[in-house]
Structures are given as structure tokens and as C-alpha cells.
Amino acid sequence: MGEAGGSTVGAIGTGWAVHGEVRVHYLEARPEGRGPAVLIVPGFGEEAADHHELLAALAPRRAVAVDLRGRGPSTAPPDGYRLEGHVGDLEAAATAAGLGRVHVVTYSRGTTYGLAWALAHPDRVASITIGDYPAAQLVPPASWVDKAARRIWRGRPMTDRMSRASMAAMVNDAVSVEFWDALAGLARPVQVIRGGNGGMVDDTTAARYASAVADLRMVTFESSGHDLWSPDPRRFPTTVRSFLDEVDRSTR
């Protein structure tokens, strides 16, 4: 499924995997650390390149950030944006990068794909960090595509990272899926980071996480909305690293 290949520029390398007809691009930090690596799944309107600082902040852990189909330099097929296609992209990248046991770190809609991958490979999961999203695949309304295609996200049009056609295909292929029960059975440490100023994990969703996950850290960035990197871009990487340090110490 996965076909490795790439190069290194500075501390961050670039690699490619193959999943069917899709070439999956990923970025990788390769320090000399030990223990589980980190698999980063960016959110909608993001690409792996948005996570350079997170990749660097997680050293000495090895870390990989994946551009799923239609995002960044990865192939943008006209269809095939169902959940299983995205999960296959993640597995192809993990295989190409030679990842074994990993900490899964997701943001926004990347949570859908990261959780589905983790639940399909429970023995390879050390922990999960979720950035401001429920344990589910949500189905956006069709009107959402036009709104997203016009949006500027962190100083760049979203269409710089994902074409409008890919956005529409993703929405068309989305079906409602919930992972709450499966997440409860995974029995891994979970950190949920939510925005306190209009984020997607409200108090009701936070309570549902608390009911589903026995080993849960709920962190609220009170000054942030859904964009957990605003107003302090260093806070998300620092919070993720602290949690992974805690998990790694507890399993030594």
C-alpha cells in the first residue's frame, strides 16, 4: 500500500506514499528520539506545511504530518473522498514512513480520519490528542462549500490548500458516523483541546467525552475560538508535547 520516497530540507523531510491512484504527501521530522512517533492529521483547510512548528516542537520524537487526498501537494482525485479513502491515505503514509506505535494528533475535521485510523489499528495507538472536534464525522450542508472556498484561513485562501472541487467531493461523500462507543473501548489516554470562545467542543460535547473516555485530559484555551493557534501560536504545540511527555513517562 505504501511506497516510501522523499528528501530532507533542514530538519523537516518530505516523503510520498501511494494509495491506489493517489500519491500521498507527508512531512516528517526525523530526530534521534526513541519511543512512539507522532502521526499528525491536519484539519479541513489545512495542509501538512501548516504544522512545521508542531513537528519541530515535538522533538526528539519522530513526527509525521500527512496531506490527505486533495490537500496540499497530494493527488486530488475527482471522487473517492469517503471515510475509508482518507483512512487508507493515512495508513499508506504511516507504512511508507515506517511508523510503528504512534501518538495520534488531530485537528478539526482531521479528527474524523485520525480516529477512524486509530480505531482500525488499536494496537498501534499510544494516545490520542483531539483539537476542537467531536468524536464523529459531521456532514456539512452543501452551502458550506461556497463559504469555505471564499474563506481566508491564517492569511491564505483555503483554496490554496484544497481546491473547491475537492471540497465539494468531500462534502458529497460524507456520511454521519459517530465514534463515541468505539473510543470508549479503545482504552487509551485522550487529550481534548477546545476553544473556549466559540469552539466546536461545547460543554455538552465535553461532557460526552468525559463519559466516553476513562483517561481524559480536557484543556480549554479560553481566549481561542476554533483556531487553537490564535492568539498564541505556541500554546497548542506546547500543550501537545506536555501531554505526550506525561503519557510516555507513565508507560516506561
Foldseek 3Di string as FASTA:
>chain_A
DFAWDWADDPQKIKIWTDDPPKIKIKIKGAAPDDDAAEEEEEAQLDARVVCPVLRVLQPPGIYMYIGFAQFDPMHPDLADLALVSRLSSSVRVCVNVVGAAYEYEYAHQSLQNSVVNCLVPLVRYQEYEYQQYFQKFDQDDLVVLVVQQQDQDPNHRSCVTGNSSSVNNNNVNTDIGGCQQSQLVSQHAYEYEFEQPATNCDPVRVVSNVVRYVRYHYHYPDVDHSPPCPPPVVVVSVVVSVVVVVSVVVVD
